[in-house]
Protein backbone atom coordinates (compact mmCIF):
# COMPACT_ATOMS: atom_id res chain seq x y z
CA MET A 1 2.54 -41.31 8.02
CA THR A 2 5.91 -39.84 9.04
CA ILE A 3 6.37 -36.13 9.67
CA GLN A 4 9.65 -34.23 9.78
CA PHE A 5 10.67 -30.59 10.05
CA GLN A 6 13.58 -29.41 7.94
CA HIS A 7 15.54 -26.15 8.00
CA ARG A 8 16.40 -25.48 4.35
CA THR A 9 19.62 -23.50 4.64
CA GLU A 10 20.24 -23.46 0.91
CA ASN A 11 17.74 -20.59 0.64
CA ILE A 12 19.03 -18.08 3.18
CA ASN A 13 17.66 -14.53 3.00
CA GLU A 14 19.55 -11.24 3.48
CA GLU A 15 19.25 -11.48 7.28
CA GLY A 16 20.81 -14.95 7.25
CA SER A 17 17.53 -16.72 8.10
CA ALA A 18 16.03 -19.73 6.34
CA VAL A 19 12.50 -21.15 6.32
CA VAL A 20 11.48 -24.24 8.30
CA TYR A 21 9.51 -26.74 6.19
CA LEU A 22 7.17 -29.58 7.12
CA VAL A 23 7.79 -32.77 5.12
CA ALA A 24 5.28 -35.65 5.42
CA HIS A 25 5.49 -39.12 3.74
CA PHE A 26 2.35 -41.26 3.37
CA ASN A 27 1.14 -43.92 0.90
CA GLN A 28 4.29 -43.41 -1.21
CA LYS A 29 3.41 -39.72 -1.51
CA ARG A 30 5.19 -36.65 -0.13
CA LEU A 31 3.82 -33.36 1.16
CA ARG A 32 6.27 -30.45 1.56
CA MET A 33 5.06 -27.07 2.80
CA SER A 34 6.41 -24.01 4.59
CA THR A 35 5.55 -23.61 8.26
CA GLY A 36 5.83 -19.84 8.00
CA GLU A 37 8.64 -19.82 10.57
CA LYS A 38 12.26 -18.91 9.82
CA CYS A 39 15.41 -18.59 11.86
CA LEU A 40 19.19 -18.46 11.72
CA PRO A 41 21.02 -21.80 11.27
CA ALA A 42 22.43 -21.54 14.80
CA GLN A 43 18.88 -21.27 16.18
CA TRP A 44 17.72 -24.62 14.76
CA ASP A 45 18.35 -28.08 16.24
CA ASP A 46 18.51 -30.56 13.33
CA ARG A 47 18.61 -33.62 15.57
CA ARG A 48 15.55 -32.70 17.61
CA GLN A 49 13.86 -30.89 14.68
CA GLN A 50 12.93 -27.87 16.73
CA PHE A 51 14.04 -24.35 17.62
CA ARG A 52 16.84 -23.85 20.11
CA ARG A 53 16.54 -21.65 23.17
CA SER A 54 18.48 -18.90 21.40
CA TYR A 55 15.49 -18.31 19.11
CA PRO A 56 13.24 -15.55 20.55
CA GLY A 57 9.89 -17.11 21.43
CA TYR A 58 11.26 -20.64 20.92
CA GLN A 59 8.62 -22.25 23.16
CA GLU A 60 5.75 -20.72 21.23
CA ALA A 61 7.38 -21.59 17.90
CA ASN A 62 7.97 -25.23 18.91
CA GLU A 63 4.38 -25.51 20.12
CA LEU A 64 3.27 -24.25 16.71
CA LEU A 65 5.27 -27.00 14.97
CA ALA A 66 3.80 -29.67 17.27
CA ALA A 67 0.28 -28.38 16.68
CA LEU A 68 0.86 -28.37 12.92
CA ALA A 69 1.99 -32.03 13.01
CA ALA A 70 -1.04 -32.96 15.10
CA ARG A 71 -3.43 -31.21 12.71
CA LEU A 72 -1.84 -32.95 9.72
CA THR A 73 -2.15 -36.37 11.39
CA GLU A 74 -5.79 -35.70 12.25
CA ALA A 75 -6.60 -34.51 8.70
CA HIS A 76 -5.00 -37.66 7.26
CA ARG A 77 -7.00 -39.90 9.63
CA ARG A 78 -10.28 -38.07 8.97
CA GLN A 79 -9.96 -38.22 5.16
CA ARG A 80 -9.27 -41.96 5.28
CA ALA A 81 -12.17 -42.54 7.71
CA GLU A 82 -14.51 -40.74 5.30
CA GLY A 83 -13.47 -43.13 2.53
CA GLY A 84 -11.28 -40.70 0.66
CA THR A 85 -7.69 -41.01 -0.49
CA PRO A 86 -5.49 -38.37 1.11
CA THR A 87 -3.28 -36.48 -1.32
CA PRO A 88 -0.69 -33.75 -0.74
CA ALA A 89 -3.14 -31.21 -2.15
CA SER A 90 -6.09 -32.34 0.01
CA LEU A 91 -4.00 -32.37 3.18
CA LYS A 92 -2.52 -28.97 2.44
CA ALA A 93 -6.01 -27.60 1.86
CA ALA A 94 -7.18 -29.11 5.16
CA LEU A 95 -4.34 -27.39 7.01
CA ALA A 96 -5.10 -23.99 5.56
CA PRO A 97 -6.75 -22.07 8.42
CA ALA A 98 -10.07 -20.40 7.85
CA ALA A 99 -9.70 -16.67 7.62
CA ALA A 100 -10.69 -15.60 11.10
CA PRO A 101 -11.97 -12.05 11.35
CA ILE A 102 -9.70 -9.66 13.22
CA VAL A 103 -11.64 -8.19 16.10
CA ARG A 104 -10.91 -4.49 16.21
CA GLU A 105 -11.32 -4.36 19.98
CA HIS A 106 -8.39 -6.76 20.44
CA ASN A 107 -5.95 -6.11 17.58
CA LEU A 108 -2.97 -4.15 18.89
CA VAL A 109 -2.34 -2.23 15.66
CA MET A 110 -5.93 -1.04 15.49
CA LEU A 111 -5.95 -0.22 19.20
CA MET A 112 -2.83 1.91 18.76
CA SER A 113 -4.59 3.82 15.98
CA ASP A 114 -7.66 4.35 18.18
CA PHE A 115 -5.45 5.44 21.10
CA ARG A 116 -3.77 8.00 18.86
CA GLU A 117 -7.16 9.52 18.08
CA VAL A 118 -7.97 9.61 21.80
CA LEU A 119 -4.74 11.52 22.43
CA ARG A 120 -5.54 13.87 19.56
CA GLY A 121 -8.86 14.67 21.22
CA ARG A 122 -7.06 15.29 24.51
CA GLY A 123 -4.94 17.98 22.91
CA TYR A 124 -1.65 16.18 22.27
CA MET A 125 0.60 17.96 19.78
CA ARG A 126 1.13 16.78 16.21
CA ASP A 127 4.80 15.83 16.71
CA THR A 128 3.87 13.58 19.64
CA LEU A 129 1.02 11.97 17.70
CA ARG A 130 3.43 11.30 14.83
CA HIS A 131 5.51 9.09 17.16
CA TYR A 132 2.42 6.97 17.89
CA LEU A 133 1.73 6.69 14.15
CA VAL A 134 5.27 5.41 13.54
CA VAL A 135 4.95 2.91 16.40
CA GLY A 136 1.69 1.64 14.91
CA ASN A 137 3.45 1.10 11.57
CA TRP A 138 6.23 -0.91 13.27
CA LEU A 139 3.65 -3.10 15.02
CA ARG A 140 1.87 -3.66 11.69
CA ASP A 141 5.15 -4.64 10.01
CA PHE A 142 5.88 -7.09 12.83
CA GLU A 143 2.42 -8.64 12.38
CA GLN A 144 3.13 -9.19 8.71
CA HIS A 145 6.57 -10.58 9.54
CA ARG A 146 5.09 -13.10 12.01
CA ARG A 147 2.04 -13.77 9.82
CA ARG A 148 -0.40 -13.57 12.70
CA PRO A 149 -2.11 -10.67 14.46
CA LEU A 150 -0.95 -9.06 17.69
CA LEU A 151 -3.72 -9.24 20.28
CA ALA A 152 -3.77 -7.02 23.35
CA GLU A 153 -5.00 -9.61 25.88
CA SER A 154 -2.55 -12.32 24.77
CA TYR A 155 0.50 -10.10 24.34
CA SER A 156 3.20 -11.74 26.46
CA LEU A 157 6.83 -11.15 27.36
CA VAL A 158 7.76 -13.90 24.90
CA GLU A 159 6.00 -12.02 22.11
CA HIS A 160 7.53 -8.75 23.31
CA ASP A 161 11.03 -10.23 23.13
CA ALA A 162 10.29 -11.42 19.61
CA LEU A 163 9.17 -7.88 18.70
CA LEU A 164 12.39 -6.38 20.12
CA HIS A 165 14.43 -9.01 18.24
CA TYR A 166 12.68 -8.07 14.99
CA LEU A 167 13.15 -4.33 15.49
CA THR A 168 16.77 -4.55 16.63
CA LEU A 169 18.16 -7.24 14.32
CA THR A 170 15.84 -7.41 11.31
CA ARG A 171 14.92 -3.73 11.01
CA GLU A 172 18.18 -2.55 12.64
CA LEU A 173 16.47 0.30 14.49
CA ALA A 174 18.55 2.48 16.78
CA PRO A 175 18.19 1.87 20.55
CA ASN A 176 16.33 5.15 21.05
CA SER A 177 13.79 4.20 18.38
CA VAL A 178 13.15 0.91 20.18
CA TYR A 179 12.92 2.84 23.46
CA THR A 180 10.26 5.12 21.94
CA LEU A 181 8.23 2.13 20.81
CA VAL A 182 8.31 0.51 24.25
CA LYS A 183 7.43 3.79 25.97
CA ASN A 184 4.43 4.38 23.70
CA LEU A 185 3.38 0.74 23.89
CA LYS A 186 3.36 0.98 27.70
CA ALA A 187 1.22 4.12 27.45
CA LEU A 188 -1.27 2.19 25.31
CA PHE A 189 -1.38 -0.78 27.70
CA ASN A 190 -1.85 1.50 30.72
CA TYR A 191 -4.73 3.20 28.91
CA LEU A 192 -6.35 -0.14 28.02
CA GLN A 193 -5.96 -1.52 31.53
CA GLN A 194 -6.79 1.54 33.61
CA GLU A 195 -9.37 3.29 31.42
CA ARG A 196 -10.91 0.53 29.32
CA GLY A 197 -10.82 -2.40 31.75
CA TYR A 198 -8.72 -4.78 29.63
CA GLU A 199 -7.21 -7.81 31.35
CA LEU A 200 -3.64 -8.16 30.11
CA ALA A 201 -1.39 -11.21 30.13
CA LEU A 202 1.58 -9.26 31.50
CA LYS A 203 2.52 -6.52 33.91
CA VAL A 204 3.01 -3.29 32.01
CA ALA A 205 5.97 -2.34 34.22
CA SER A 206 7.83 -5.44 33.02
CA LEU A 207 8.18 -3.96 29.51
CA LYS A 208 11.58 -2.32 29.60
CA ALA A 209 13.92 -0.61 27.16
CA THR A 210 16.92 1.65 27.64
CA SER A 211 17.62 4.94 25.91
CA VAL A 212 21.16 6.05 25.11
CA ASP A 213 22.71 9.50 24.96
CA VAL A 214 23.19 10.56 21.34
CA GLU A 215 26.13 12.79 20.49
CA LYS A 216 24.78 16.25 19.71
CA VAL A 217 26.38 18.23 16.90
CA TYR A 218 27.03 21.90 17.62
CA LEU A 219 29.23 24.64 16.20
CA THR A 220 32.15 26.11 18.09
CA ALA A 221 32.57 29.86 18.49
CA GLY A 222 35.14 29.85 15.69
CA GLU A 223 32.89 27.89 13.33
CA LEU A 224 29.98 30.19 14.08
CA GLU A 225 32.15 33.18 13.14
CA GLN A 226 33.28 31.42 9.95
CA LEU A 227 29.66 30.92 9.03
CA ARG A 228 28.75 34.55 9.79
CA THR A 229 31.53 36.00 7.63
CA ALA A 230 31.43 33.48 4.76
CA VAL A 231 30.88 34.83 1.24
CA LEU A 232 27.97 32.84 -0.19
CA PRO A 233 25.78 32.77 -3.31
CA SER A 234 22.79 35.08 -2.86
CA THR A 235 20.38 32.12 -2.88
CA LEU A 236 22.02 30.67 0.23
CA VAL A 237 22.29 33.86 2.29
CA PRO A 238 18.70 33.80 3.68
CA VAL A 239 19.15 30.22 4.88
CA ARG A 240 22.44 31.12 6.57
CA ASP A 241 20.79 34.13 8.25
CA VAL A 242 17.85 32.13 9.60
CA PHE A 243 20.23 29.48 10.94
CA LEU A 244 22.38 32.14 12.65
CA PHE A 245 19.27 33.73 14.14
CA CYS A 246 18.41 30.36 15.71
CA CYS A 247 22.00 30.06 16.97
CA TYR A 248 21.56 33.46 18.68
CA THR A 249 18.12 32.68 20.17
CA GLY A 250 17.88 28.89 20.62
CA LEU A 251 14.65 28.66 18.61
CA ARG A 252 13.48 25.45 17.00
CA TYR A 253 12.65 25.36 13.30
CA SER A 254 8.95 24.94 14.13
CA ASP A 255 9.03 28.27 16.02
CA VAL A 256 11.24 30.39 13.76
CA ARG A 257 9.11 29.62 10.70
CA GLN A 258 6.03 31.06 12.44
CA LEU A 259 7.60 34.27 13.78
CA HIS A 260 5.84 37.53 12.90
CA GLN A 261 6.23 41.16 13.94
CA GLY A 262 3.81 40.62 16.82
CA ASN A 263 6.40 38.40 18.52
CA VAL A 264 8.84 41.32 18.84
CA ALA A 265 8.44 43.67 21.79
CA GLY A 266 10.45 46.48 23.29
CA TRP A 267 12.33 46.00 26.56
CA ASP A 268 14.56 48.48 28.41
CA GLY A 269 15.73 50.20 25.24
CA GLY A 270 16.21 46.91 23.39
CA GLN A 271 13.97 44.20 21.99
CA VAL A 272 12.81 40.75 23.06
CA LEU A 273 11.01 37.86 21.41
CA ARG A 274 7.90 36.63 23.19
CA LEU A 275 6.24 33.51 21.83
CA THR A 276 4.57 30.24 22.74
CA GLN A 277 6.60 27.24 21.63
CA SER A 278 4.88 24.98 19.10
CA LYS A 279 6.22 21.75 20.57
CA THR A 280 5.66 22.30 24.29
CA ARG A 281 3.13 25.18 24.27
CA ARG A 282 5.32 26.87 26.90
CA PRO A 283 5.73 30.67 26.72
CA VAL A 284 9.32 31.90 26.38
CA SER A 285 10.91 35.34 26.37
CA ILE A 286 14.28 35.78 24.67
CA TYR A 287 16.42 38.92 24.61
CA LEU A 288 17.43 39.90 21.08
CA THR A 289 21.14 40.64 20.99
CA GLU A 290 22.56 42.98 18.38
CA PRO A 291 23.48 40.20 15.87
CA ALA A 292 19.93 38.84 16.11
CA ARG A 293 18.35 42.30 15.71
CA LEU A 294 20.47 42.99 12.64
CA ILE A 295 19.13 39.87 10.95
CA ILE A 296 15.53 40.91 11.69
CA ASP A 297 16.19 44.43 10.39
CA LYS A 298 17.72 43.01 7.22
CA TYR A 299 14.41 41.39 6.23
CA ALA A 300 12.01 43.96 7.73
CA GLY A 301 8.97 44.76 5.60
CA GLU A 302 9.62 42.07 2.96
CA ARG A 303 6.86 39.68 4.05
CA ALA A 304 4.25 38.99 6.70
CA MET A 305 6.54 36.59 8.53
CA LEU A 306 9.60 37.88 10.35
CA LEU A 307 12.22 35.85 8.44
CA PRO A 308 12.42 34.02 5.07
CA VAL A 309 12.12 30.40 6.19
CA TYR A 310 11.89 27.56 3.66
CA GLN A 311 10.71 23.99 4.16
CA ASN A 312 12.79 22.13 6.75
CA GLN A 313 14.15 19.60 4.25
CA VAL A 314 15.23 22.41 1.93
CA MET A 315 16.88 24.32 4.79
CA ASN A 316 18.79 21.22 5.92
CA ARG A 317 19.99 20.46 2.40
CA TYR A 318 21.20 24.05 1.86
CA LEU A 319 22.85 24.18 5.30
CA LYS A 320 25.21 21.34 4.45
CA ARG A 321 26.39 23.23 1.38
CA ILE A 322 26.64 26.49 3.33
CA CYS A 323 28.74 24.95 6.09
CA ARG A 324 31.03 23.29 3.55
CA LEU A 325 31.58 26.61 1.78
CA ALA A 326 32.20 28.30 5.15
CA GLY A 327 34.91 25.77 6.01
CA VAL A 328 33.02 23.87 8.72
CA THR A 329 34.76 20.69 7.61
CA ALA A 330 36.34 19.29 10.77
CA SER A 331 36.26 15.49 11.00
CA VAL A 332 34.07 14.02 13.73
CA GLU A 333 33.40 10.45 14.79
CA VAL A 334 29.82 9.24 14.55
CA ALA A 335 29.02 6.15 16.63
CA GLU A 336 25.75 4.27 16.02
CA VAL A 337 24.35 1.03 17.36
CA ARG A 338 23.08 -1.21 14.56
CA ALA A 339 21.81 -4.73 15.15
CA GLY A 340 23.59 -4.86 18.49
CA ARG A 341 26.93 -3.66 17.07
CA LEU A 342 28.65 -0.33 17.67
CA VAL A 343 29.47 1.11 14.24
CA LYS A 344 31.91 4.04 14.08
CA GLN A 345 32.31 6.32 11.09
CA GLN A 346 34.40 9.41 10.35
CA ARG A 347 32.28 12.21 8.91
CA SER A 348 32.81 15.88 8.07
CA LYS A 349 30.84 18.09 10.43
CA PHE A 350 29.07 19.94 7.60
CA GLU A 351 27.36 16.67 6.62
CA LEU A 352 25.72 16.46 10.05
CA VAL A 353 24.46 20.04 10.40
CA THR A 354 20.68 20.54 10.42
CA MET A 355 18.41 23.34 11.60
CA HIS A 356 18.31 21.74 15.06
CA THR A 357 22.09 22.11 15.27
CA ALA A 358 21.43 25.82 15.86
CA ARG A 359 19.57 25.04 19.09
CA HIS A 360 22.43 22.82 20.27
CA THR A 361 24.89 25.58 19.37
CA PHE A 362 22.97 28.20 21.35
CA ALA A 363 22.79 25.95 24.41
CA THR A 364 26.47 24.99 24.44
CA GLN A 365 27.73 28.49 23.67
CA SER A 366 25.48 29.93 26.38
CA LEU A 367 26.91 27.55 28.95
CA LEU A 368 30.46 28.34 27.85
CA ARG A 369 29.75 32.03 28.41
CA GLY A 370 28.61 31.31 31.94
CA MET A 371 24.82 31.36 31.60
CA PRO A 372 23.26 29.56 34.62
CA VAL A 373 21.56 26.30 33.71
CA GLU A 374 18.32 27.51 35.32
CA ILE A 375 18.21 30.54 33.00
CA LEU A 376 19.06 28.41 29.96
CA GLN A 377 16.19 26.09 30.90
CA LYS A 378 13.72 29.01 30.74
CA VAL A 379 15.08 30.30 27.43
CA LEU A 380 14.91 26.85 25.82
CA GLY A 381 11.47 26.21 27.32
CA HIS A 382 12.37 22.88 28.92
CA ALA A 383 9.83 21.63 31.46
CA ASN A 384 12.48 19.54 33.23
CA ILE A 385 15.94 20.83 34.02
CA LYS A 386 17.33 17.32 33.39
CA THR A 387 16.76 17.97 29.69
CA THR A 388 18.86 21.13 29.89
CA LEU A 389 21.61 19.36 31.81
CA ILE A 390 22.19 17.13 28.79
CA TYR A 391 23.91 20.10 27.15
CA ALA A 392 26.17 20.56 30.17
CA LYS A 393 27.52 17.04 29.55
CA ILE A 394 28.64 17.80 26.00
CA VAL A 395 30.55 21.00 26.67
CA GLU A 396 34.01 19.45 26.44
CA ASP A 397 35.87 22.76 26.64
CA PHE A 398 35.36 22.91 30.41
CA GLN A 399 37.12 19.61 31.01
CA HIS A 400 39.91 20.40 28.52
CA LEU A 401 40.61 23.81 30.07
CA THR A 402 40.66 22.33 33.56
CA MET A 403 43.02 19.52 32.55
CA ARG A 404 45.39 22.01 30.87
CA ARG A 405 45.41 24.23 33.98
CA ILE A 406 46.04 21.29 36.33
CA TRP A 407 48.58 19.38 34.24
CA GLU A 408 50.39 22.23 32.52
CA GLY A 409 49.94 24.95 35.14
CA GLU A 410 48.76 27.51 32.59
CA GLU A 411 46.20 30.24 32.84
CA THR A 412 44.06 29.44 29.81
CA LYS A 413 42.23 31.75 27.50
CA ASP A 414 38.44 31.47 27.27
CA THR A 415 37.78 29.67 23.96
CA SER A 416 34.55 31.57 23.47
CA ALA A 417 36.23 34.98 23.51
CA SER A 418 36.39 35.12 19.73
CA LEU A 419 32.64 35.67 19.51
CA ASP A 420 30.69 38.63 20.84
CA SER A 421 29.71 37.75 24.40
CA GLN A 422 26.32 39.35 23.79
CA VAL A 423 25.31 36.78 21.19
CA CYS A 424 23.71 34.47 23.72
CA ALA A 425 22.40 36.99 26.25
CA VAL A 426 18.88 36.60 27.61
CA GLU A 427 16.30 38.99 28.93
CA PRO A 428 17.17 39.77 32.57
CA SER A 429 14.52 39.29 35.23
CA ALA A 430 12.54 42.35 36.15
CA ALA A 431 13.62 43.96 39.39
C-alpha cells in the first residue's frame, strides 16, 4: 500500500483555501478521501506532502496526517489478517471515528455558556452577558470549522493561534472584537483554574490580544446648531429632539429611554436629572440647561416616560435621514482593519451617526468649553478617568487652534462660540 497527501488547488474556496486529500493505492484499487484539513496553497509543501510552518498549528495538523496514514495502514493489515479483502469502502469505514460523547465538563463552548450563567447569578448586567454569548458563538463556529471540539484542559497556544487566525482572516473580525474574545476567554480560564480547580495546558497570562482606538464620530458646534434649527417632517421631530437632549446631557440610549418625571428634581432655581445608569449602575446627577429643559417641557404630560423614545434601531435609521436633511454631510475618512489590512473609505458623516454619537458630542463639546475632565467623568459616569481621557484625544480643535496661533501669530476665535455655552453645563458641587 502507498499513501500520499494531495492539496487539490482546483477547488479553492472563497478564502483561497483548498482541501488536503489522502490518496491510497492497494491491490490495484484506489481510496481517495478528505482529511478535513484545508489551507492556502502557500501553506502546503507538495514535495514533503505536509503543512508548512506558515500554517497556524502546522505541527498538530501534520501529526494528524501521520496518524491518519498509520490508522489506514493498520486497518489494511487487520482486514487482510482476518481473511477479508480490503476495499476502498471498507477502509474508509474503518477510519471513520466512533462518535465520542462530548463531556460537558470539558467542552469549552459549554463551559462558556455555564460561566455566563454564573456571571448572571453574580449580578452582571445584560450588556456584559451578551458579550459572553457572542464569544461562545464564535468558539462554536471555530469548533465546526476545525471539525473537532475545543477542550479546556487541552487548549494550547497552538490552538489559540489557530483560533485567532480563523477570527482575523476567515471571519475578518475587527481587532477590538478579537480583543473582546481573548479578554472573556481569559476570564473563563481564570474562573476554571482558580474556582473550579481545572488543570490547564497553558498559562492564562500568555493569551494576549491588543485593542485599538476607534475613531469616534461626534458633531461640531455648527452641525449641532444645524440639527437644532433644521425644518423636518413631523414624524422625525421627536427623534431629533431626543438625540439633541442626549447631546445636551451625555445620556446613553439605554438611560434616556427609561427616564420618567421622578428623575427630574429642582436645584437652586433650576432642574437636574438624577438617575442610576443602566450599564454601570452608577448614580449620576446632570444639570438641565435651558435647551434640555425646553425639550422636556415640549413633551410634558404626553406619556408616562419623560421623552418619546423609539427602538434603538428605529432611532438610528431615522437619525441618518435627519442629519442628511439638516446638512450634516461632511466627508470623513473611515479606517478599518480587515483580515490584517487597513481599509480606508470616504463616507458622509450622516451615514455614521447613531444615538451613541450624542454621548460623544456631549463629551467633546464639554471639553471644548473648558469643562474639567474630572467633572466630565462624573457626568458620564465613568468608573475610570482613563475612559474619559479618550475623548480628550479626539478633540482636534485644540491642536489646530494652537498650531494657528504659533505658526500664524493670530489670536483665534473659540470654535464653540456659535453654540450657547450653557448647553453642556453640569450641576455645580454644593458649597
